[in-house]
């Protein structure tokens, strides 16, 4: 006669199962099921100042969770990034992805954590040699400051990691069966690249956000050298919406890169004065000549992209004539 297992014999299995579930949840292994009461949206937060630029992009998902791509505000708009996240009710971020280590992309990461926003994971891309960072002191990247930020994350027990091309950082399916993903298209460390040594801008993580049929491409500060390579390279960079590289200023990826992406809409994190200046003439002309809509947070304020399974619509905090 078979005997039922005793309750004591089941305890190790139950404990092991609980441990597995906790580890898997913290690592993001589970695919989340969305709730239609939570819209999927991307908000390009207006963290620009009067003269200076920065990137901070809030992604909100159908399961009520949120992520951030870059975490900074302009030097002449201190505190705006954290205040904006608080305004949107953000208390927890399942992921912060820092596109590259320029202060106008990572400069408020420590502050938002100190402000009580719980960060579960941080995706980063370090340069392959500290020379790339230190030759930009004091205006760009400082290796010692970057190391102090990583030390802070370790002290707070916040895991950070460098993803690989093709990695899926977030994936979920909502109640209507629509799949949402944040994927890494490519990244290079500035030393081991297909075009030789680059600057810090071209260490930017290039990421694709997909919701249903709509794709958005995040480009950090992608510059002309690597942008020219990607314009003809093996990576799939097609998208409906493009976060303009390098704040839409000189040195950004070439027009051939824009052609390859084929975006219908452009979002530009730039102050109004910079966008109107000669430094931004080439991308301004590109969008204007093709009659493509362009949204600039220094003009429009917060720019919200609301996704459904078939497409998207864009709302702005204020009207602006471009």
Protein backbone atom coordinates (compact mmCIF):
# COMPACT_ATOMS: atom_id res chain seq x y z
CA UNK A 1 0.00 0.00 0.00
CA UNK A 2 1.34 3.44 -0.95
CA UNK A 3 1.69 5.77 1.99
CA UNK A 4 1.04 9.50 1.74
CA UNK A 5 4.13 11.61 2.39
CA UNK A 6 4.31 13.10 5.84
CA UNK A 7 3.91 16.88 6.24
CA UNK A 8 7.53 17.04 7.43
CA UNK A 9 8.81 15.50 4.19
CA UNK A 10 7.09 18.25 2.16
CA UNK A 11 8.75 21.10 4.03
CA UNK A 12 12.06 21.13 2.05
CA UNK A 13 10.16 21.13 -1.23
CA UNK A 14 7.90 24.02 -0.12
CA UNK A 15 10.85 26.03 1.16
CA UNK A 16 12.74 25.45 -2.09
CA UNK A 17 9.71 26.49 -4.14
CA UNK A 18 9.32 29.72 -2.16
CA UNK A 19 13.01 30.54 -2.60
CA UNK A 20 12.78 29.91 -6.36
CA UNK A 21 9.73 32.17 -6.70
CA UNK A 22 11.42 35.01 -4.78
CA UNK A 23 14.62 34.76 -6.83
CA UNK A 24 12.74 34.55 -10.13
CA UNK A 25 10.57 37.54 -9.26
CA UNK A 26 13.53 39.69 -8.27
CA UNK A 27 15.39 38.75 -11.46
CA UNK A 28 12.41 39.62 -13.67
CA UNK A 29 12.05 36.08 -15.03
CA UNK A 30 8.25 36.10 -14.97
CA UNK A 31 6.18 37.52 -17.81
CA UNK A 32 3.65 39.90 -16.27
CA UNK A 33 -0.03 39.94 -17.15
CA UNK A 34 -1.30 43.44 -17.69
CA UNK A 35 -4.34 45.25 -16.35
CA UNK A 36 -6.34 47.33 -18.84
CA UNK A 37 -6.93 49.96 -16.13
CA UNK A 38 -3.26 50.94 -16.43
CA UNK A 39 -2.39 52.48 -19.81
CA UNK A 40 0.95 51.74 -21.40
CA UNK A 41 2.74 55.01 -21.98
CA UNK A 42 6.06 56.75 -22.41
CA UNK A 43 6.49 60.20 -20.92
CA UNK A 44 9.43 62.28 -22.09
CA UNK A 45 9.72 64.34 -18.92
CA UNK A 46 10.56 67.99 -19.33
CA UNK A 47 13.88 68.06 -17.48
CA UNK A 48 15.37 70.72 -19.75
CA UNK A 49 16.39 74.07 -18.34
CA UNK A 50 16.51 77.44 -20.03
CA UNK A 51 19.86 76.69 -21.66
CA UNK A 52 20.84 73.11 -20.82
CA UNK A 53 19.52 69.68 -21.77
CA UNK A 54 19.03 66.29 -20.11
CA UNK A 55 17.22 62.97 -20.61
CA UNK A 56 14.66 61.32 -18.34
CA UNK A 57 12.05 59.03 -19.91
CA UNK A 58 9.33 57.36 -17.83
CA UNK A 59 7.79 54.11 -19.09
CA UNK A 60 4.55 53.02 -17.42
CA UNK A 61 3.16 49.54 -18.04
CA UNK A 62 -0.23 47.87 -18.01
CA UNK A 63 0.52 46.00 -14.78
CA UNK A 64 1.03 49.29 -12.92
CA UNK A 65 4.83 49.06 -12.85
CA UNK A 66 7.27 51.64 -14.22
CA UNK A 67 10.80 51.93 -15.58
CA UNK A 68 13.12 54.79 -16.43
CA UNK A 69 15.44 55.34 -19.36
CA UNK A 70 18.06 57.81 -18.16
CA UNK A 71 17.75 59.70 -14.90
CA UNK A 72 18.89 63.29 -15.08
CA UNK A 73 17.87 66.91 -15.26
CA UNK A 74 19.65 69.92 -16.73
CA UNK A 75 22.25 71.73 -14.64
CA UNK A 76 20.03 74.84 -14.74
CA UNK A 77 16.92 72.89 -13.66
CA UNK A 78 18.15 71.04 -10.54
CA UNK A 79 15.64 68.77 -8.81
CA UNK A 80 13.16 68.70 -11.68
CA UNK A 81 13.63 64.98 -12.43
CA UNK A 82 12.84 63.77 -8.91
CA UNK A 83 9.97 66.25 -8.58
CA UNK A 84 8.47 65.03 -11.88
CA UNK A 85 8.64 61.39 -10.81
CA UNK A 86 6.98 62.28 -7.51
CA UNK A 87 4.29 64.22 -9.39
CA UNK A 88 3.52 61.09 -11.41
CA UNK A 89 3.24 59.04 -8.23
CA UNK A 90 6.35 56.94 -8.86
CA UNK A 91 7.51 55.10 -5.74
CA UNK A 92 9.09 52.06 -7.40
CA UNK A 93 11.01 51.48 -10.62
CA UNK A 94 11.44 47.91 -11.82
CA UNK A 95 14.37 49.05 -13.97
CA UNK A 96 16.49 52.11 -14.61
CA UNK A 97 18.47 51.94 -17.83
CA UNK A 98 21.31 54.46 -18.04
CA UNK A 99 22.10 54.87 -21.73
CA UNK A 100 25.64 56.12 -21.04
CA UNK A 101 27.65 57.88 -18.35
CA UNK A 102 27.18 61.54 -19.06
CA UNK A 103 25.78 63.54 -16.15
CA UNK A 104 22.85 64.77 -18.22
CA UNK A 105 21.78 61.12 -18.47
CA UNK A 106 22.60 59.64 -15.06
CA UNK A 107 23.08 62.64 -12.76
CA UNK A 108 19.93 62.20 -10.61
CA UNK A 109 20.08 58.44 -10.11
CA UNK A 110 21.46 58.74 -6.58
CA UNK A 111 19.05 61.55 -5.73
CA UNK A 112 15.93 59.67 -6.77
CA UNK A 113 16.97 56.67 -4.68
CA UNK A 114 17.69 58.94 -1.70
CA UNK A 115 14.25 60.49 -2.24
CA UNK A 116 12.70 57.12 -1.40
CA UNK A 117 11.99 55.76 -4.89
CA UNK A 118 12.75 52.06 -4.84
CA UNK A 119 14.91 50.93 -7.76
CA UNK A 120 15.06 47.18 -8.38
CA UNK A 121 17.77 46.97 -11.08
CA UNK A 122 20.02 49.29 -13.04
CA UNK A 123 21.27 48.56 -16.57
CA UNK A 124 24.52 50.33 -17.48
CA UNK A 125 27.26 50.35 -20.08
CA UNK A 126 30.73 51.27 -18.83
CA UNK A 127 33.41 52.46 -21.25
CA UNK A 128 36.03 49.85 -22.10
CA UNK A 129 38.82 52.15 -20.90
CA UNK A 130 38.67 54.95 -18.33
CA UNK A 131 40.55 57.16 -20.80
CA UNK A 132 37.27 57.69 -22.65
CA UNK A 133 35.76 59.10 -19.48
CA UNK A 134 38.64 61.08 -18.08
CA UNK A 135 39.42 62.97 -21.27
CA UNK A 136 35.99 64.59 -20.90
CA UNK A 137 36.62 66.06 -17.44
CA UNK A 138 35.06 68.41 -16.36
CA UNK A 139 32.29 68.78 -18.93
CA UNK A 140 31.38 65.17 -19.77
CA UNK A 141 32.25 62.02 -17.88
CA UNK A 142 34.35 61.53 -14.76
CA UNK A 143 35.43 57.95 -14.05
CA UNK A 144 35.78 58.50 -10.31
CA UNK A 145 32.28 59.95 -10.08
CA UNK A 146 30.88 57.00 -12.02
CA UNK A 147 32.62 54.63 -9.61
CA UNK A 148 31.13 56.50 -6.64
CA UNK A 149 27.65 55.97 -8.10
CA UNK A 150 28.28 52.25 -8.54
CA UNK A 151 29.60 52.08 -4.98
CA UNK A 152 26.39 53.75 -3.79
CA UNK A 153 24.31 51.11 -5.62
CA UNK A 154 26.30 48.35 -3.95
CA UNK A 155 25.79 49.95 -0.54
CA UNK A 156 22.04 50.06 -1.18
CA UNK A 157 22.05 46.44 -2.44
CA UNK A 158 20.69 47.54 -5.82
CA UNK A 159 21.99 45.20 -8.52
CA UNK A 160 23.46 46.70 -11.67
CA UNK A 161 24.47 44.89 -14.82
CA UNK A 162 25.58 45.38 -18.41
CA UNK A 163 23.12 43.82 -20.86
CA UNK A 164 23.99 42.27 -24.20
CA UNK A 165 22.65 43.02 -27.65
CA UNK A 166 19.38 41.14 -28.08
CA UNK A 167 18.56 41.00 -24.36
CA UNK A 168 14.95 41.52 -23.32
CA UNK A 169 14.96 43.70 -20.21
CA UNK A 170 11.18 43.81 -19.70
CA UNK A 171 8.38 41.77 -21.21
CA UNK A 172 4.70 41.43 -20.40
CA UNK A 173 1.38 40.60 -22.00
CA UNK A 174 -1.73 42.56 -21.06
CA UNK A 175 -5.27 41.26 -20.65
CA UNK A 176 -5.98 41.88 -24.35
CA UNK A 177 -2.99 39.77 -25.38
CA UNK A 178 -0.84 42.73 -26.44
CA UNK A 179 2.87 42.17 -25.86
CA UNK A 180 5.08 44.93 -24.47
CA UNK A 181 8.89 44.65 -24.54
CA UNK A 182 12.00 46.66 -23.81
CA UNK A 183 14.91 45.15 -25.73
CA UNK A 184 18.55 46.02 -26.26
CA UNK A 185 19.34 46.51 -29.94
CA UNK A 186 23.08 47.05 -29.53
CA UNK A 187 25.77 48.58 -27.34
CA UNK A 188 29.51 49.08 -27.60
CA UNK A 189 32.08 50.04 -24.99
CA UNK A 190 33.91 52.65 -27.06
CA UNK A 191 36.99 50.43 -27.46
CA UNK A 192 35.71 47.17 -28.91
CA UNK A 193 33.57 48.55 -31.72
CA UNK A 194 33.19 47.92 -35.46
CA UNK A 195 34.46 51.46 -36.21
CA UNK A 196 37.44 51.77 -33.85
CA UNK A 197 37.68 53.88 -30.70
CA UNK A 198 34.78 56.29 -30.10
CA UNK A 199 33.77 58.92 -27.55
CA UNK A 200 31.39 58.38 -24.62
CA UNK A 201 28.34 59.34 -26.67
CA UNK A 202 28.79 56.27 -28.84
CA UNK A 203 28.78 54.02 -25.78
CA UNK A 204 25.02 54.70 -25.60
CA UNK A 205 22.77 51.67 -25.20
CA UNK A 206 20.40 51.58 -28.19
CA UNK A 207 17.09 50.13 -27.02
CA UNK A 208 13.73 49.36 -28.62
CA UNK A 209 10.40 49.67 -26.82
CA UNK A 210 7.58 47.72 -28.45
CA UNK A 211 3.88 47.71 -27.62
CA UNK A 212 1.76 45.70 -30.00
CA UNK A 213 2.45 46.98 -33.51
CA UNK A 214 4.27 50.14 -32.40
CA UNK A 215 8.03 50.48 -31.99
CA UNK A 216 9.98 53.31 -30.35
CA UNK A 217 13.76 53.59 -30.57
CA UNK A 218 15.82 55.09 -27.73
CA UNK A 219 19.24 56.26 -28.87
CA UNK A 220 20.96 58.01 -25.95
CA UNK A 221 23.51 60.41 -27.42
CA UNK A 222 24.29 58.37 -30.53
CA UNK A 223 26.80 60.34 -32.58
CA UNK A 224 27.68 60.46 -36.26
CA UNK A 225 30.43 57.78 -36.37
CA UNK A 226 28.43 54.92 -34.85
CA UNK A 227 25.19 56.25 -36.32
CA UNK A 228 26.68 55.97 -39.80
CA UNK A 229 27.60 52.36 -39.09
CA UNK A 230 24.10 51.53 -37.82
CA UNK A 231 22.58 53.15 -40.91
CA UNK A 232 23.98 50.28 -42.99
CA UNK A 233 24.75 47.69 -40.30
CA UNK A 234 23.10 44.40 -39.40
CA UNK A 235 20.87 45.67 -36.58
CA UNK A 236 17.10 46.10 -36.85
CA UNK A 237 16.57 49.78 -36.00
CA UNK A 238 13.21 50.35 -37.72
CA UNK A 239 10.77 52.25 -35.50
CA UNK A 240 7.62 54.35 -35.62
CA UNK A 241 8.88 56.83 -33.01
CA UNK A 242 12.46 58.01 -32.59
CA UNK A 243 13.94 59.59 -29.48
CA UNK A 244 16.28 61.98 -31.27
CA UNK A 245 19.95 61.22 -30.59
CA UNK A 246 22.19 63.69 -28.77
CA UNK A 247 19.38 66.15 -28.00
CA UNK A 248 19.10 66.91 -31.70
CA UNK A 249 22.39 68.81 -31.83
CA UNK A 250 25.42 68.81 -34.11
CA UNK A 251 27.42 65.61 -34.21
CA UNK A 252 24.32 63.42 -33.89
CA UNK A 253 23.68 60.40 -36.11
CA UNK A 254 23.51 61.19 -39.86
CA UNK A 255 20.37 61.60 -41.93
CA UNK A 256 20.97 58.13 -43.38
CA UNK A 257 20.38 56.77 -39.88
CA UNK A 258 17.04 58.61 -39.72
CA UNK A 259 16.16 57.18 -43.13
CA UNK A 260 16.91 53.64 -41.97
CA UNK A 261 14.82 54.06 -38.80
CA UNK A 262 11.91 55.41 -40.84
CA UNK A 263 10.16 57.03 -37.89
CA UNK A 264 6.85 58.86 -38.29
CA UNK A 265 7.35 60.98 -35.15
CA UNK A 266 10.38 62.45 -33.38
CA UNK A 267 10.75 63.29 -29.69
CA UNK A 268 13.59 65.65 -28.81
CA UNK A 269 14.83 66.27 -25.24
CA UNK A 270 16.12 69.80 -25.72
CA UNK A 271 15.59 73.31 -24.35
CA UNK A 272 13.75 75.65 -26.68
CA UNK A 273 16.75 77.88 -27.31
CA UNK A 274 19.06 75.01 -28.20
CA UNK A 275 16.51 73.51 -30.58
CA UNK A 276 16.11 76.87 -32.33
CA UNK A 277 19.87 77.41 -32.61
CA UNK A 278 22.20 76.64 -35.53
CA UNK A 279 23.43 73.61 -33.57
CA UNK A 280 20.13 71.84 -34.31
CA UNK A 281 19.62 73.01 -37.87
CA UNK A 282 20.23 69.68 -39.62
CA UNK A 283 17.64 67.61 -37.70
CA UNK A 284 15.20 70.54 -37.75
CA UNK A 285 15.48 70.71 -41.52
CA UNK A 286 15.19 66.94 -41.86
CA UNK A 287 11.89 66.79 -39.96
CA UNK A 288 10.53 69.96 -41.57
CA UNK A 289 11.31 68.97 -45.16
CA UNK A 290 9.55 65.64 -44.66
CA UNK A 291 6.63 67.22 -42.76
CA UNK A 292 7.20 64.87 -39.83
CA UNK A 293 5.81 65.86 -36.43
CA UNK A 294 8.45 66.73 -33.87
CA UNK A 295 7.95 67.24 -30.13
CA UNK A 296 10.51 69.11 -28.03
CA UNK A 297 10.16 69.02 -24.26
CA UNK A 298 11.64 72.51 -23.87
CA UNK A 299 8.69 73.75 -25.97
CA UNK A 300 5.90 71.26 -25.29
CA UNK A 301 6.66 70.38 -21.66
CA UNK A 302 6.09 66.74 -20.76
CA UNK A 303 5.34 64.74 -23.90
CA UNK A 304 3.17 61.64 -23.41
CA UNK A 305 2.97 58.79 -25.89
CA UNK A 306 -0.06 56.59 -25.18
CA UNK A 307 -0.02 53.15 -26.76
CA UNK A 308 -2.75 50.70 -27.68
CA UNK A 309 -2.43 47.43 -29.53
CA UNK A 310 -2.82 49.05 -32.95
CA UNK A 311 -1.02 52.36 -32.65
CA UNK A 312 -0.37 55.40 -30.47
CA UNK A 313 -1.35 58.98 -29.85
CA UNK A 314 0.65 61.86 -28.42
CA UNK A 315 -0.40 64.41 -25.81
CA UNK A 316 1.62 67.40 -24.67
CA UNK A 317 1.65 69.43 -21.50
CA UNK A 318 1.39 72.64 -23.48
CA UNK A 319 0.88 73.73 -27.07
CA UNK A 320 3.79 75.03 -29.08
CA UNK A 321 4.24 76.25 -32.61
CA UNK A 322 7.40 74.81 -34.16
